[in-house]
Amino acid sequence: MAIKSISIRIEEEMLDKIGFVADYEGRSVNSHILVLIRENIKKFEEINGAIEGTVSPEINVKPTRKK
């Protein structure tokens, strides 16, 4: 499975707040955003049916650590 990177534009205050929540949950901002994305996809699919693809929102997709 290929891991892709994206950039987003985000207001500094919003980034600080999502960082606070991520830290509270014991996650990095990146990992927390992935959790939010998975939850959103799962909710969408519960209402609208499965989106075609092979990766389920329940799968914890983490990039491998660089050596």
PDB file of N, CA and C in Angstrom:
ATOM      1  N   MET A   1       0.854  -1.177   0.000  1.00  0.00           N
ATOM      2  CA  MET A   1       0.000   0.000   0.000  1.00  0.00           C
ATOM      3  C   MET A   1       0.898   1.237   0.000  1.00  0.00           C
ATOM      4  N   ALA A   2       0.632   2.146  -0.897  1.00  0.00           N
ATOM      5  CA  ALA A   2       1.413   3.377  -0.989  1.00  0.00           C
ATOM      6  C   ALA A   2       0.913   4.386   0.041  1.00  0.00           C
ATOM      7  N   ILE A   3       1.837   5.047   0.686  1.00  0.00           N
ATOM      8  CA  ILE A   3       1.508   6.119   1.617  1.00  0.00           C
ATOM      9  C   ILE A   3       1.796   7.430   0.896  1.00  0.00           C
ATOM     10  N   LYS A   4       0.809   8.303   0.841  1.00  0.00           N
ATOM     11  CA  LYS A   4       0.936   9.586   0.156  1.00  0.00           C
ATOM     12  C   LYS A   4       1.007  10.709   1.177  1.00  0.00           C
ATOM     13  N   SER A   5       1.630  11.791   0.801  1.00  0.00           N
ATOM     14  CA  SER A   5       1.697  12.992   1.632  1.00  0.00           C
ATOM     15  C   SER A   5       0.867  14.087   0.992  1.00  0.00           C
ATOM     16  N   ILE A   6       0.242  14.906   1.833  1.00  0.00           N
ATOM     17  CA  ILE A   6      -0.474  16.077   1.349  1.00  0.00           C
ATOM     18  C   ILE A   6      -0.110  17.272   2.229  1.00  0.00           C
ATOM     19  N   SER A   7      -0.298  18.449   1.704  1.00  0.00           N
ATOM     20  CA  SER A   7      -0.120  19.681   2.473  1.00  0.00           C
ATOM     21  C   SER A   7      -1.480  20.321   2.644  1.00  0.00           C
ATOM     22  N   ILE A   8      -1.687  20.971   3.770  1.00  0.00           N
ATOM     23  CA  ILE A   8      -2.919  21.728   3.954  1.00  0.00           C
ATOM     24  C   ILE A   8      -2.570  23.118   4.476  1.00  0.00           C
ATOM     25  N   ARG A   9      -3.428  24.047   4.184  1.00  0.00           N
ATOM     26  CA  ARG A   9      -3.308  25.389   4.745  1.00  0.00           C
ATOM     27  C   ARG A   9      -4.239  25.432   5.946  1.00  0.00           C
ATOM     28  N   ILE A  10      -3.720  25.873   7.071  1.00  0.00           N
ATOM     29  CA  ILE A  10      -4.511  25.879   8.297  1.00  0.00           C
ATOM     30  C   ILE A  10      -4.108  27.088   9.136  1.00  0.00           C
ATOM     31  N   GLU A  11      -5.091  27.717   9.739  1.00  0.00           N
ATOM     32  CA  GLU A  11      -4.803  28.862  10.592  1.00  0.00           C
ATOM     33  C   GLU A  11      -3.990  28.394  11.795  1.00  0.00           C
ATOM     34  N   GLU A  12      -3.067  29.230  12.226  1.00  0.00           N
ATOM     35  CA  GLU A  12      -2.167  28.872  13.316  1.00  0.00           C
ATOM     36  C   GLU A  12      -2.928  28.481  14.588  1.00  0.00           C
ATOM     37  N   GLU A  13      -3.971  29.236  14.912  1.00  0.00           N
ATOM     38  CA  GLU A  13      -4.744  28.923  16.112  1.00  0.00           C
ATOM     39  C   GLU A  13      -5.405  27.542  16.006  1.00  0.00           C
ATOM     40  N   MET A  14      -5.928  27.223  14.826  1.00  0.00           N
ATOM     41  CA  MET A  14      -6.556  25.918  14.633  1.00  0.00           C
ATOM     42  C   MET A  14      -5.515  24.809  14.767  1.00  0.00           C
ATOM     43  N   LEU A  15      -4.326  25.021  14.200  1.00  0.00           N
ATOM     44  CA  LEU A  15      -3.250  24.043  14.321  1.00  0.00           C
ATOM     45  C   LEU A  15      -2.849  23.860  15.784  1.00  0.00           C
ATOM     46  N   ASP A  16      -2.764  24.952  16.518  1.00  0.00           N
ATOM     47  CA  ASP A  16      -2.450  24.858  17.944  1.00  0.00           C
ATOM     48  C   ASP A  16      -3.505  24.057  18.688  1.00  0.00           C
ATOM     49  N   LYS A  17      -4.762  24.286  18.352  1.00  0.00           N
ATOM     50  CA  LYS A  17      -5.848  23.580  19.038  1.00  0.00           C
ATOM     51  C   LYS A  17      -5.860  22.097  18.688  1.00  0.00           C
ATOM     52  N   ILE A  18      -5.667  21.757  17.419  1.00  0.00           N
ATOM     53  CA  ILE A  18      -5.646  20.339  17.038  1.00  0.00           C
ATOM     54  C   ILE A  18      -4.420  19.673  17.656  1.00  0.00           C
ATOM     55  N   GLY A  19      -3.337  20.418  17.779  1.00  0.00           N
ATOM     56  CA  GLY A  19      -2.152  19.900  18.465  1.00  0.00           C
ATOM     57  C   GLY A  19      -2.423  19.618  19.930  1.00  0.00           C
ATOM     58  N   PHE A  20      -3.184  20.494  20.580  1.00  0.00           N
ATOM     59  CA  PHE A  20      -3.552  20.304  21.980  1.00  0.00           C
ATOM     60  C   PHE A  20      -4.376  19.031  22.143  1.00  0.00           C
ATOM     61  N   VAL A  21      -5.385  18.866  21.268  1.00  0.00           N
ATOM     62  CA  VAL A  21      -6.246  17.681  21.327  1.00  0.00           C
ATOM     63  C   VAL A  21      -5.433  16.422  21.051  1.00  0.00           C
ATOM     64  N   ALA A  22      -4.579  16.468  20.045  1.00  0.00           N
ATOM     65  CA  ALA A  22      -3.746  15.313  19.702  1.00  0.00           C
ATOM     66  C   ALA A  22      -2.862  14.922  20.880  1.00  0.00           C
ATOM     67  N   ASP A  23      -2.235  15.910  21.501  1.00  0.00           N
ATOM     68  CA  ASP A  23      -1.376  15.648  22.651  1.00  0.00           C
ATOM     69  C   ASP A  23      -2.177  15.041  23.801  1.00  0.00           C
ATOM     70  N   TYR A  24      -3.358  15.567  24.036  1.00  0.00           N
ATOM     71  CA  TYR A  24      -4.238  15.043  25.086  1.00  0.00           C
ATOM     72  C   TYR A  24      -4.573  13.574  24.833  1.00  0.00           C
ATOM     73  N   GLU A  25      -4.751  13.219  23.550  1.00  0.00           N
ATOM     74  CA  GLU A  25      -5.083  11.846  23.168  1.00  0.00           C
ATOM     75  C   GLU A  25      -3.841  10.963  23.040  1.00  0.00           C
ATOM     76  N   GLY A  26      -2.655  11.553  23.224  1.00  0.00           N
ATOM     77  CA  GLY A  26      -1.415  10.792  23.139  1.00  0.00           C
ATOM     78  C   GLY A  26      -0.989  10.483  21.722  1.00  0.00           C
ATOM     79  N   ARG A  27      -1.324  11.373  20.805  1.00  0.00           N
ATOM     80  CA  ARG A  27      -0.997  11.168  19.396  1.00  0.00           C
ATOM     81  C   ARG A  27      -0.229  12.368  18.860  1.00  0.00           C
ATOM     82  N   SER A  28       0.426  12.143  17.728  1.00  0.00           N
ATOM     83  CA  SER A  28       0.975  13.266  16.978  1.00  0.00           C
ATOM     84  C   SER A  28      -0.188  13.929  16.242  1.00  0.00           C
ATOM     85  N   VAL A  29       0.041  15.143  15.756  1.00  0.00           N
ATOM     86  CA  VAL A  29      -0.996  15.820  14.972  1.00  0.00           C
ATOM     87  C   VAL A  29      -1.329  14.984  13.738  1.00  0.00           C
ATOM     88  N   ASN A  30      -0.314  14.463  13.059  1.00  0.00           N
ATOM     89  CA  ASN A  30      -0.543  13.655  11.868  1.00  0.00           C
ATOM     90  C   ASN A  30      -1.424  12.439  12.193  1.00  0.00           C
ATOM     91  N   SER A  31      -1.069  11.701  13.244  1.00  0.00           N
ATOM     92  CA  SER A  31      -1.860  10.521  13.623  1.00  0.00           C
ATOM     93  C   SER A  31      -3.282  10.897  14.003  1.00  0.00           C
ATOM     94  N   HIS A  32      -3.432  12.022  14.689  1.00  0.00           N
ATOM     95  CA  HIS A  32      -4.778  12.448  15.091  1.00  0.00           C
ATOM     96  C   HIS A  32      -5.623  12.810  13.870  1.00  0.00           C
ATOM     97  N   ILE A  33      -5.021  13.475  12.909  1.00  0.00           N
ATOM     98  CA  ILE A  33      -5.746  13.818  11.687  1.00  0.00           C
ATOM     99  C   ILE A  33      -6.174  12.544  10.954  1.00  0.00           C
ATOM    100  N   LEU A  34      -5.306  11.528  10.913  1.00  0.00           N
ATOM    101  CA  LEU A  34      -5.686  10.251  10.294  1.00  0.00           C
ATOM    102  C   LEU A  34      -6.868   9.613  11.017  1.00  0.00           C
ATOM    103  N   VAL A  35      -6.899   9.706  12.346  1.00  0.00           N
ATOM    104  CA  VAL A  35      -8.041   9.185  13.115  1.00  0.00           C
ATOM    105  C   VAL A  35      -9.314   9.924  12.713  1.00  0.00           C
ATOM    106  N   LEU A  36      -9.241  11.244  12.624  1.00  0.00           N
ATOM    107  CA  LEU A  36     -10.414  12.041  12.252  1.00  0.00           C
ATOM    108  C   LEU A  36     -10.893  11.698  10.840  1.00  0.00           C
ATOM    109  N   ILE A  37      -9.953  11.496   9.929  1.00  0.00           N
ATOM    110  CA  ILE A  37     -10.316  11.132   8.553  1.00  0.00           C
ATOM    111  C   ILE A  37     -11.007   9.776   8.537  1.00  0.00           C
ATOM    112  N   ARG A  38     -10.428   8.784   9.248  1.00  0.00           N
ATOM    113  CA  ARG A  38     -11.036   7.446   9.296  1.00  0.00           C
ATOM    114  C   ARG A  38     -12.448   7.505   9.866  1.00  0.00           C
ATOM    115  N   GLU A  39     -12.624   8.275  10.959  1.00  0.00           N
ATOM    116  CA  GLU A  39     -13.954   8.400  11.574  1.00  0.00           C
ATOM    117  C   GLU A  39     -14.942   9.022  10.596  1.00  0.00           C
ATOM    118  N   ASN A  40     -14.496  10.026   9.834  1.00  0.00           N
ATOM    119  CA  ASN A  40     -15.366  10.683   8.869  1.00  0.00           C
ATOM    120  C   ASN A  40     -15.766   9.735   7.751  1.00  0.00           C
ATOM    121  N   ILE A  41     -14.818   8.967   7.231  1.00  0.00           N
ATOM    122  CA  ILE A  41     -15.123   7.999   6.170  1.00  0.00           C
ATOM    123  C   ILE A  41     -16.090   6.944   6.682  1.00  0.00           C
ATOM    124  N   LYS A  42     -15.842   6.428   7.881  1.00  0.00           N
ATOM    125  CA  LYS A  42     -16.713   5.401   8.464  1.00  0.00           C
ATOM    126  C   LYS A  42     -18.144   5.926   8.608  1.00  0.00           C
ATOM    127  N   LYS A  43     -18.279   7.143   9.118  1.00  0.00           N
ATOM    128  CA  LYS A  43     -19.607   7.748   9.281  1.00  0.00           C
ATOM    129  C   LYS A  43     -20.299   7.921   7.930  1.00  0.00           C
ATOM    130  N   PHE A  44     -19.558   8.411   6.939  1.00  0.00           N
ATOM    131  CA  PHE A  44     -20.115   8.597   5.598  1.00  0.00           C
ATOM    132  C   PHE A  44     -20.614   7.268   5.040  1.00  0.00           C
ATOM    133  N   GLU A  45     -19.782   6.213   5.173  1.00  0.00           N
ATOM    134  CA  GLU A  45     -20.150   4.915   4.623  1.00  0.00           C
ATOM    135  C   GLU A  45     -21.336   4.300   5.357  1.00  0.00           C
ATOM    136  N   GLU A  46     -21.461   4.551   6.654  1.00  0.00           N
ATOM    137  CA  GLU A  46     -22.621   4.044   7.392  1.00  0.00           C
ATOM    138  C   GLU A  46     -23.915   4.642   6.855  1.00  0.00           C
ATOM    139  N   ILE A  47     -23.866   5.888   6.441  1.00  0.00           N
ATOM    140  CA  ILE A  47     -25.057   6.586   5.935  1.00  0.00           C
ATOM    141  C   ILE A  47     -25.289   6.304   4.455  1.00  0.00           C
ATOM    142  N   ASN A  48     -24.207   6.297   3.666  1.00  0.00           N
ATOM    143  CA  ASN A  48     -24.322   6.269   2.205  1.00  0.00           C
ATOM    144  C   ASN A  48     -23.884   4.972   1.542  1.00  0.00           C
ATOM    145  N   GLY A  49     -23.389   4.031   2.308  1.00  0.00           N
ATOM    146  CA  GLY A  49     -22.885   2.787   1.731  1.00  0.00           C
ATOM    147  C   GLY A  49     -21.387   2.863   1.503  1.00  0.00           C
ATOM    148  N   ALA A  50     -20.809   1.686   1.333  1.00  0.00           N
ATOM    149  CA  ALA A  50     -19.352   1.584   1.202  1.00  0.00           C
ATOM    150  C   ALA A  50     -18.846   2.313  -0.033  1.00  0.00           C
ATOM    151  N   ILE A  51     -17.711   2.948   0.118  1.00  0.00           N
ATOM    152  CA  ILE A  51     -17.001   3.564  -0.993  1.00  0.00           C
ATOM    153  C   ILE A  51     -16.091   2.480  -1.560  1.00  0.00           C
ATOM    154  N   GLU A  52     -16.059   2.358  -2.873  1.00  0.00           N
ATOM    155  CA  GLU A  52     -15.244   1.329  -3.504  1.00  0.00           C
ATOM    156  C   GLU A  52     -13.783   1.497  -3.128  1.00  0.00           C
ATOM    157  N   GLY A  53     -13.152   0.423  -2.746  1.00  0.00           N
ATOM    158  CA  GLY A  53     -11.736   0.425  -2.384  1.00  0.00           C
ATOM    159  C   GLY A  53     -11.417  -0.771  -1.515  1.00  0.00           C
ATOM    160  N   THR A  54     -10.148  -0.964  -1.241  1.00  0.00           N
ATOM    161  CA  THR A  54      -9.734  -2.139  -0.486  1.00  0.00           C
ATOM    162  C   THR A  54      -9.344  -1.839   0.946  1.00  0.00           C
ATOM    163  N   VAL A  55      -9.189  -0.565   1.317  1.00  0.00           N
ATOM    164  CA  VAL A  55      -8.779  -0.210   2.673  1.00  0.00           C
ATOM    165  C   VAL A  55     -10.002   0.208   3.470  1.00  0.00           C
ATOM    166  N   SER A  56     -10.229  -0.486   4.560  1.00  0.00           N
ATOM    167  CA  SER A  56     -11.341  -0.167   5.448  1.00  0.00           C
ATOM    168  C   SER A  56     -10.939   0.975   6.374  1.00  0.00           C
ATOM    169  N   PRO A  57     -11.862   1.842   6.752  1.00  0.00           N
ATOM    170  CA  PRO A  57     -11.524   2.937   7.667  1.00  0.00           C
ATOM    171  C   PRO A  57     -11.021   2.447   9.024  1.00  0.00           C
ATOM    172  N   GLU A  58     -11.314   1.194   9.381  1.00  0.00           N
ATOM    173  CA  GLU A  58     -10.871   0.680  10.674  1.00  0.00           C
ATOM    174  C   GLU A  58      -9.384   0.348  10.682  1.00  0.00           C
ATOM    175  N   ILE A  59      -8.784   0.204   9.508  1.00  0.00           N
ATOM    176  CA  ILE A  59      -7.369  -0.151   9.439  1.00  0.00           C
ATOM    177  C   ILE A  59      -6.531   1.044   9.872  1.00  0.00           C
ATOM    178  N   ASN A  60      -5.584   0.771  10.767  1.00  0.00           N
ATOM    179  CA  ASN A  60      -4.710   1.827  11.263  1.00  0.00           C
ATOM    180  C   ASN A  60      -3.511   1.944  10.330  1.00  0.00           C
ATOM    181  N   VAL A  61      -3.564   2.886   9.428  1.00  0.00           N
ATOM    182  CA  VAL A  61      -2.509   3.046   8.439  1.00  0.00           C
ATOM    183  C   VAL A  61      -1.478   4.018   8.997  1.00  0.00           C
ATOM    184  N   LYS A  62      -0.298   3.500   9.262  1.00  0.00           N
ATOM    185  CA  LYS A  62       0.794   4.340   9.739  1.00  0.00           C
ATOM    186  C   LYS A  62       1.966   4.185   8.787  1.00  0.00           C
ATOM    187  N   PRO A  63       2.599   5.291   8.405  1.00  0.00           N
ATOM    188  CA  PRO A  63       3.792   5.165   7.577  1.00  0.00           C
ATOM    189  C   PRO A  63       4.897   4.453   8.353  1.00  0.00           C
ATOM    190  N   THR A  64       5.745   3.725   7.650  1.00  0.00           N
ATOM    191  CA  THR A  64       6.862   3.075   8.305  1.00  0.00           C
ATOM    192  C   THR A  64       7.856   4.115   8.774  1.00  0.00           C
ATOM    193  N   ARG A  65       8.558   3.806   9.852  1.00  0.00           N
ATOM    194  CA  ARG A  65       9.568   4.728  10.374  1.00  0.00           C
ATOM    195  C   ARG A  65      10.793   4.718   9.470  1.00  0.00           C
ATOM    196  N   LYS A  66      11.355   5.887   9.262  1.00  0.00           N
ATOM    197  CA  LYS A  66      12.578   5.992   8.463  1.00  0.00           C
ATOM    198  C   LYS A  66      13.731   5.482   9.310  1.00  0.00           C
ATOM    199  N   LYS A  67      14.630   4.733   8.675  1.00  0.00           N
ATOM    200  CA  LYS A  67      15.777   4.177   9.398  1.00  0.00           C
ATOM    201  C   LYS A  67      17.005   5.035   9.225  1.00  0.00           C
TER     202      LYS A  67
END
